[in-house]
Amino acid sequence: MPDKPLTINGETFAPGTRTTVELPVARLYTHTSMSMPIHVVRGKKTGPRMFISAAIHGDEINGVEIIRRLLKLPVLKRLSGTIIAVPIVNIHGLINHSRYLPDRRDLNRSFPGSEKGSIAARLANLFMQQIVCQSTHGIDLHTGAIHRSNLPQIRANLDDQETDTLARAFNVPVIISSNIRDGSLRESAAEYGIPMLLYEAGEALRFDEVSIRAGVDGIVNVMRTLQMLPPSRSKSKTYTEPVVARSSTWVRAADSGILRTMVPLGSRVKRGTLLGVVSDPFGTTEEQITSTCNGIIIGRTNLPLVNEGDALFHIARFEDVSEAADKVDEFNEEHTPETISSPHPESPII
């Protein structure tokens, strides 16, 4: 596939070029034209074709900034192969600060889509035909939902050897070996034999600096593993073997009220660990929220106002919880800016 012509929206891209193309999508009801911006970077040498997508959920904007920073890296001048960067897939959702499309459908449950279906199905079909089917690999960038934060993590099908290798190369502390959901982009990519990673980090409608830096570094690590970029010459770069979780669970509110959270993201917990307390506004009744298993907090709500049954804490199960906690600590030390005046986040990666 890398040696075949690359054509998007009727435009063909020659090796050694960088081009932005606008892929038309459904108009607004005001008759205003809408388009999906795509930036294609082709190296002079042949190699894999990787699509990097963000904002499939329109309110998940961390990935937009990750792609912007990635495209500014000087090392891309030495690229072998092709990057197809799509910072905003769900244009309608991003404009409206919404996870969904105007028909309230979830785009990531609408793949592979169809030409004559709903607006979500049509957009999914367009993305599959114009982007995914012309790629050899893919990375999809996500965050937690609104008012929920996720610890930086990779979700992937680790039963596929190449996908497993790329997931570990991304260099985040936690990998979730997750099942492929019906209608997801990962499911449709897998049907075409395309290894794909899903990066989850941060919260919807918010930029998170640690998550963004880790995302840029992770994509570069994957590209180096695929020999799309030369090996790093930096001696300061460290690689930490991630821990893999085969299952995870949500702890939910047993009653409605106001939540006081006791544990941050990345915390090591044991069965029975106090995670938070839900009380009424006067504090006359209190319900303790405790961990149902041993593991690491990989997601949690940021909203203190909770209803009975709300998902509050997401726990990944690990056999060795201490090892997992150590990986998270090492990761945070590497990616957390020392001060506000720390080196600019777009400092070159070579």
Protein backbone atom coordinates (compact mmCIF):
# COMPACT_ATOMS: atom_id res chain seq x y z
CA MET A 1 0.00 0.00 0.00
CA PRO A 2 2.72 2.61 0.78
CA ASP A 3 3.88 2.51 -2.87
CA LYS A 4 0.38 3.11 -4.25
CA PRO A 5 -0.77 6.66 -5.07
CA LEU A 6 -2.38 8.52 -2.19
CA THR A 7 -5.51 10.41 -3.26
CA ILE A 8 -7.89 12.26 -0.92
CA ASN A 9 -10.89 14.13 -2.27
CA GLY A 10 -9.49 13.78 -5.78
CA GLU A 11 -6.11 15.30 -4.86
CA THR A 12 -2.97 13.17 -5.23
CA PHE A 13 0.05 13.78 -2.99
CA ALA A 14 3.59 13.33 -4.24
CA PRO A 15 6.45 12.07 -2.05
CA GLY A 16 8.39 14.80 -0.25
CA THR A 17 5.40 17.19 0.04
CA ARG A 18 3.19 18.66 2.78
CA THR A 19 -0.35 19.64 1.89
CA THR A 20 -3.58 20.56 3.65
CA VAL A 21 -6.78 19.40 1.97
CA GLU A 22 -10.38 20.20 2.91
CA LEU A 23 -12.68 17.19 2.81
CA PRO A 24 -16.32 18.36 2.42
CA VAL A 25 -18.83 17.12 5.02
CA ALA A 26 -22.55 17.83 5.54
CA ARG A 27 -23.49 21.51 5.36
CA LEU A 28 -25.09 23.37 8.24
CA TYR A 29 -28.82 24.04 7.85
CA THR A 30 -27.86 27.68 7.11
CA HIS A 31 -26.30 26.34 3.86
CA THR A 32 -22.86 27.12 5.29
CA SER A 33 -20.22 24.80 3.85
CA MET A 34 -18.37 22.49 6.25
CA SER A 35 -15.13 20.59 5.70
CA MET A 36 -12.81 18.27 7.58
CA PRO A 37 -9.21 19.62 7.51
CA ILE A 38 -6.59 17.00 6.69
CA HIS A 39 -2.84 17.58 6.66
CA VAL A 40 -0.76 15.11 4.65
CA VAL A 41 2.99 14.82 5.22
CA ARG A 42 4.76 12.53 2.75
CA GLY A 43 8.38 11.59 3.21
CA LYS A 44 10.75 11.24 0.30
CA LYS A 45 11.27 7.59 1.22
CA THR A 46 8.54 4.96 1.21
CA GLY A 47 7.20 3.57 4.44
CA PRO A 48 4.00 3.02 6.41
CA ARG A 49 1.01 5.30 6.09
CA MET A 50 -0.31 6.31 9.50
CA PHE A 51 -3.52 8.19 10.13
CA ILE A 52 -3.69 10.19 13.36
CA SER A 53 -7.18 11.34 14.25
CA ALA A 54 -8.69 13.45 17.02
CA ALA A 55 -12.07 14.87 18.07
CA ILE A 56 -14.11 11.93 16.82
CA HIS A 57 -15.98 13.01 19.93
CA GLY A 58 -16.29 16.73 19.30
CA ASP A 59 -15.62 17.83 22.88
CA GLU A 60 -12.38 15.83 23.25
CA ILE A 61 -9.88 18.50 22.26
CA ASN A 62 -6.56 17.34 23.77
CA GLY A 63 -5.85 15.45 20.54
CA VAL A 64 -6.28 18.61 18.46
CA GLU A 65 -3.36 20.18 20.30
CA ILE A 66 -1.32 16.96 20.17
CA ILE A 67 -1.58 16.90 16.37
CA ARG A 68 -0.76 20.62 16.11
CA ARG A 69 2.46 20.15 18.09
CA LEU A 70 3.34 16.95 16.25
CA LEU A 71 3.15 18.67 12.86
CA LYS A 72 5.59 21.37 14.02
CA LEU A 73 8.37 18.92 14.92
CA PRO A 74 11.55 19.41 12.83
CA VAL A 75 12.18 15.66 12.83
CA LEU A 76 9.34 15.22 10.31
CA LYS A 77 11.77 16.45 7.66
CA ARG A 78 13.34 13.00 7.97
CA LEU A 79 10.05 11.14 7.63
CA SER A 80 9.85 7.84 5.77
CA GLY A 81 6.31 7.06 4.72
CA THR A 82 3.24 9.21 5.23
CA ILE A 83 1.29 10.89 8.04
CA ILE A 84 -2.39 11.61 7.44
CA ALA A 85 -3.28 13.97 10.29
CA VAL A 86 -6.95 14.69 10.98
CA PRO A 87 -7.17 16.97 14.05
CA ILE A 88 -10.97 17.43 13.92
CA VAL A 89 -13.08 14.56 12.61
CA ASN A 90 -16.39 15.57 14.19
CA ILE A 91 -16.54 19.19 13.00
CA HIS A 92 -20.19 19.64 14.01
CA GLY A 93 -19.55 18.36 17.53
CA LEU A 94 -16.50 20.56 18.08
CA ILE A 95 -18.35 23.70 16.99
CA ASN A 96 -21.14 22.89 19.46
CA HIS A 97 -18.78 21.75 22.26
CA SER A 98 -20.58 18.42 22.06
CA ARG A 99 -19.49 14.80 22.07
CA TYR A 100 -22.15 13.98 19.50
CA LEU A 101 -23.22 14.90 16.01
CA PRO A 102 -26.37 17.00 15.47
CA ASP A 103 -28.51 13.83 15.36
CA ARG A 104 -27.22 12.94 18.86
CA ARG A 105 -25.43 9.87 17.53
CA ASP A 106 -21.99 8.83 18.74
CA LEU A 107 -19.66 8.81 15.73
CA ASN A 108 -17.48 6.15 17.36
CA ARG A 109 -20.45 3.77 17.37
CA SER A 110 -21.34 4.47 13.73
CA PHE A 111 -18.47 2.85 11.79
CA PRO A 112 -18.05 1.73 9.06
CA GLY A 113 -21.07 3.83 8.16
CA SER A 114 -22.90 4.13 4.86
CA GLU A 115 -23.39 6.64 2.06
CA LYS A 116 -27.14 6.91 2.57
CA GLY A 117 -27.50 6.59 6.34
CA SER A 118 -27.67 9.16 9.13
CA ILE A 119 -25.27 12.10 9.28
CA ALA A 120 -23.10 10.01 11.64
CA ALA A 121 -23.14 7.03 9.25
CA ARG A 122 -22.24 9.25 6.29
CA LEU A 123 -19.36 10.90 8.13
CA ALA A 124 -18.06 7.51 9.31
CA ASN A 125 -18.22 6.15 5.75
CA LEU A 126 -16.40 9.21 4.39
CA PHE A 127 -13.62 8.87 6.97
CA MET A 128 -13.26 5.15 6.31
CA GLN A 129 -13.08 5.48 2.52
CA GLN A 130 -10.90 8.59 2.30
CA ILE A 131 -8.56 8.04 5.27
CA VAL A 132 -8.59 4.65 6.96
CA CYS A 133 -8.67 2.44 3.87
CA GLN A 134 -5.58 4.22 2.52
CA SER A 135 -3.58 3.69 5.72
CA THR A 136 -1.47 0.89 7.13
CA HIS A 137 -1.62 1.98 10.79
CA GLY A 138 -3.68 4.31 12.94
CA ILE A 139 -3.73 6.22 16.23
CA ASP A 140 -6.98 7.70 17.52
CA LEU A 141 -6.78 10.35 20.27
CA HIS A 142 -9.43 10.63 22.99
CA THR A 143 -10.06 12.05 26.46
CA GLY A 144 -12.47 11.26 29.24
CA ALA A 145 -16.05 12.48 28.87
CA ILE A 146 -17.22 15.85 30.13
CA HIS A 147 -16.46 16.25 33.88
CA ARG A 148 -14.36 13.06 33.82
CA SER A 149 -10.57 12.72 33.64
CA ASN A 150 -8.59 9.74 32.39
CA LEU A 151 -5.07 8.77 33.34
CA PRO A 152 -2.93 8.60 30.16
CA GLN A 153 -3.45 5.09 28.84
CA ILE A 154 -3.47 3.06 25.64
CA ARG A 155 -6.39 0.82 24.73
CA ALA A 156 -5.64 -1.81 22.13
CA ASN A 157 -6.13 -5.39 21.03
CA LEU A 158 -3.04 -6.95 22.55
CA ASP A 159 -3.86 -10.34 21.05
CA ASP A 160 -2.50 -8.93 17.77
CA GLN A 161 1.31 -9.07 17.97
CA GLU A 162 2.05 -5.91 15.96
CA THR A 163 -0.57 -3.90 17.85
CA ASP A 164 0.91 -5.13 21.14
CA THR A 165 4.39 -3.99 20.07
CA LEU A 166 3.16 -0.52 19.11
CA ALA A 167 1.09 -0.17 22.30
CA ARG A 168 4.16 -0.82 24.43
CA ALA A 169 6.26 1.54 22.32
CA PHE A 170 3.86 4.43 23.03
CA ASN A 171 5.37 4.51 26.53
CA VAL A 172 2.47 5.28 28.84
CA PRO A 173 2.29 3.61 32.25
CA VAL A 174 -0.93 1.66 31.66
CA ILE A 175 -2.22 -0.38 28.72
CA ILE A 176 -5.79 -1.65 28.76
CA SER A 177 -6.28 -4.76 26.68
CA SER A 178 -9.84 -3.90 25.74
CA ASN A 179 -12.43 -5.62 23.62
CA ILE A 180 -13.37 -3.94 20.35
CA ARG A 181 -16.79 -2.31 20.59
CA ASP A 182 -19.40 -2.69 17.89
CA GLY A 183 -19.45 0.27 15.52
CA SER A 184 -16.13 1.67 16.72
CA LEU A 185 -13.34 2.94 14.51
CA ARG A 186 -11.06 0.29 16.01
CA GLU A 187 -13.44 -2.46 14.95
CA SER A 188 -13.64 -1.20 11.37
CA ALA A 189 -9.86 -0.68 11.14
CA ALA A 190 -9.31 -4.23 12.41
CA GLU A 191 -11.55 -5.60 9.65
CA TYR A 192 -9.11 -4.06 7.17
CA GLY A 193 -6.14 -5.54 9.03
CA ILE A 194 -4.95 -2.12 10.22
CA PRO A 195 -3.17 -2.13 13.62
CA MET A 196 -4.60 0.74 15.65
CA LEU A 197 -4.07 2.33 19.06
CA LEU A 198 -6.54 4.39 21.06
CA TYR A 199 -4.90 6.96 23.37
CA GLU A 200 -7.06 8.12 26.30
CA ALA A 201 -5.91 11.00 28.49
CA GLY A 202 -7.34 14.06 30.21
CA GLU A 203 -10.85 15.53 30.25
CA ALA A 204 -13.27 16.78 27.60
CA LEU A 205 -13.16 20.52 26.75
CA ARG A 206 -9.87 20.96 28.64
CA PHE A 207 -6.20 21.00 27.70
CA ASP A 208 -4.04 18.86 30.00
CA GLU A 209 -0.33 19.53 29.58
CA VAL A 210 0.89 16.16 30.86
CA SER A 211 -1.52 14.31 28.58
CA ILE A 212 -0.57 16.44 25.58
CA ARG A 213 3.18 16.04 26.04
CA ALA A 214 2.80 12.30 26.57
CA GLY A 215 0.65 12.07 23.45
CA VAL A 216 3.20 13.81 21.23
CA ASP A 217 6.04 11.72 22.63
CA GLY A 218 4.01 8.53 22.29
CA ILE A 219 3.19 9.08 18.63
CA VAL A 220 6.85 9.81 17.89
CA ASN A 221 7.84 6.62 19.75
CA VAL A 222 5.44 4.57 17.63
CA MET A 223 6.73 6.16 14.43
CA ARG A 224 10.31 5.34 15.42
CA THR A 225 9.29 1.73 16.08
CA LEU A 226 7.79 1.58 12.58
CA GLN A 227 11.02 3.15 11.20
CA MET A 228 9.06 6.13 9.94
CA LEU A 229 11.48 8.32 11.93
CA PRO A 230 15.15 7.73 12.77
CA PRO A 231 16.11 6.50 16.25
CA SER A 232 16.34 9.15 18.95
CA ARG A 233 19.77 10.61 19.64
CA SER A 234 18.69 11.93 23.02
CA LYS A 235 20.29 10.07 25.92
CA SER A 236 17.72 11.53 28.32
CA LYS A 237 14.84 9.63 26.75
CA THR A 238 13.74 6.78 29.01
CA TYR A 239 11.46 3.84 28.31
CA THR A 240 9.38 2.27 31.03
CA GLU A 241 7.79 -1.11 30.43
CA PRO A 242 4.05 -0.51 30.92
CA VAL A 243 1.76 -2.64 33.01
CA VAL A 244 -1.13 -4.34 31.26
CA ALA A 245 -4.65 -4.64 32.63
CA ARG A 246 -6.98 -7.25 31.19
CA SER A 247 -10.02 -5.88 32.98
CA SER A 248 -11.35 -2.76 34.67
CA THR A 249 -14.43 -1.74 36.62
CA TRP A 250 -16.36 1.38 37.57
CA VAL A 251 -17.33 2.12 41.17
CA ARG A 252 -20.73 3.82 41.23
CA ALA A 253 -22.60 6.04 43.65
CA ALA A 254 -24.93 4.12 45.94
CA ASP A 255 -26.89 7.29 46.66
CA SER A 256 -27.29 10.83 45.33
CA GLY A 257 -25.50 13.74 46.97
CA ILE A 258 -22.29 15.75 47.05
CA LEU A 259 -19.05 13.86 46.48
CA ARG A 260 -15.82 14.54 48.35
CA THR A 261 -13.04 12.73 46.50
CA MET A 262 -10.19 11.22 48.56
CA VAL A 263 -7.90 9.80 45.85
CA PRO A 264 -6.30 11.34 42.72
CA LEU A 265 -5.79 9.72 39.32
CA GLY A 266 -3.06 7.12 39.35
CA SER A 267 -3.59 6.20 43.00
CA ARG A 268 -2.92 2.65 44.12
CA VAL A 269 -5.97 1.20 45.84
CA LYS A 270 -6.86 -2.03 47.54
CA ARG A 271 -10.21 -3.66 48.04
CA GLY A 272 -11.95 -1.58 50.71
CA THR A 273 -9.83 1.58 50.20
CA LEU A 274 -11.86 4.74 50.87
CA LEU A 275 -12.26 6.55 47.54
CA GLY A 276 -14.71 9.27 48.51
CA VAL A 277 -17.72 10.22 50.56
CA VAL A 278 -21.19 11.17 49.28
CA SER A 279 -23.28 13.25 51.66
CA ASP A 280 -26.35 15.47 51.65
CA PRO A 281 -25.73 19.27 51.67
CA PHE A 282 -25.98 19.37 55.48
CA GLY A 283 -23.75 16.39 56.16
CA THR A 284 -26.42 14.60 58.16
CA THR A 285 -26.10 11.47 56.00
CA GLU A 286 -22.86 10.17 54.54
CA GLU A 287 -22.18 7.22 52.27
CA GLN A 288 -18.60 5.96 51.97
CA ILE A 289 -17.42 4.94 48.51
CA THR A 290 -14.85 2.15 48.69
CA SER A 291 -12.82 0.23 46.13
CA THR A 292 -14.25 -3.10 45.04
CA CYS A 293 -10.87 -4.50 43.95
CA ASN A 294 -7.11 -4.00 43.97
CA GLY A 295 -5.81 -1.75 41.22
CA ILE A 296 -5.04 1.76 39.96
CA ILE A 297 -7.45 4.67 39.49
CA ILE A 298 -7.41 5.29 35.72
CA GLY A 299 -10.50 7.50 35.52
CA ARG A 300 -12.71 9.51 37.81
CA THR A 301 -15.46 12.10 37.87
CA ASN A 302 -14.53 15.74 38.50
CA LEU A 303 -18.09 16.82 39.27
CA PRO A 304 -18.98 16.83 42.99
CA LEU A 305 -22.72 16.59 42.27
CA VAL A 306 -23.66 12.95 41.77
CA ASN A 307 -26.79 10.92 41.26
CA GLU A 308 -27.41 7.40 42.43
CA GLY A 309 -25.77 5.04 39.96
CA ASP A 310 -23.30 7.59 38.54
CA ALA A 311 -19.87 6.18 37.59
CA LEU A 312 -17.37 7.79 39.98
CA PHE A 313 -14.05 5.93 39.86
CA HIS A 314 -12.62 3.71 37.10
CA ILE A 315 -10.21 1.08 38.42
CA ALA A 316 -7.87 -1.06 36.34
CA ARG A 317 -7.12 -4.38 37.98
CA PHE A 318 -3.49 -5.46 38.36
CA GLU A 319 -1.87 -8.44 40.02
CA ASP A 320 1.04 -6.29 41.22
CA VAL A 321 -0.48 -2.98 42.25
CA SER A 322 2.80 -1.62 43.64
CA GLU A 323 4.52 -2.07 40.27
CA ALA A 324 1.67 -0.29 38.49
CA ALA A 325 1.82 2.63 40.93
CA ASP A 326 5.57 2.95 40.39
CA LYS A 327 5.06 3.14 36.62
CA VAL A 328 2.54 5.96 37.06
CA ASP A 329 4.93 7.90 39.33
CA GLU A 330 7.79 7.57 36.83
CA PHE A 331 5.53 8.71 34.01
CA ASN A 332 4.33 11.79 35.90
CA GLU A 333 7.88 12.79 36.81
CA GLU A 334 8.93 12.60 33.15
CA HIS A 335 6.04 14.57 31.66
CA THR A 336 5.03 17.09 34.33
CA PRO A 337 6.46 20.58 33.66
CA GLU A 338 8.78 21.66 36.48
CA THR A 339 7.45 25.23 36.54
CA ILE A 340 5.19 27.46 34.49
CA SER A 341 8.32 28.92 32.91
CA SER A 342 9.65 25.50 31.90
CA PRO A 343 10.93 24.96 28.34
CA HIS A 344 8.33 25.59 25.67
CA PRO A 345 6.29 22.42 24.95
CA GLU A 346 7.13 22.72 21.26
CA SER A 347 10.86 22.35 21.87
CA PRO A 348 12.27 20.16 19.07
CA ILE A 349 12.31 16.41 19.39
CA ILE A 350 15.29 15.01 17.52
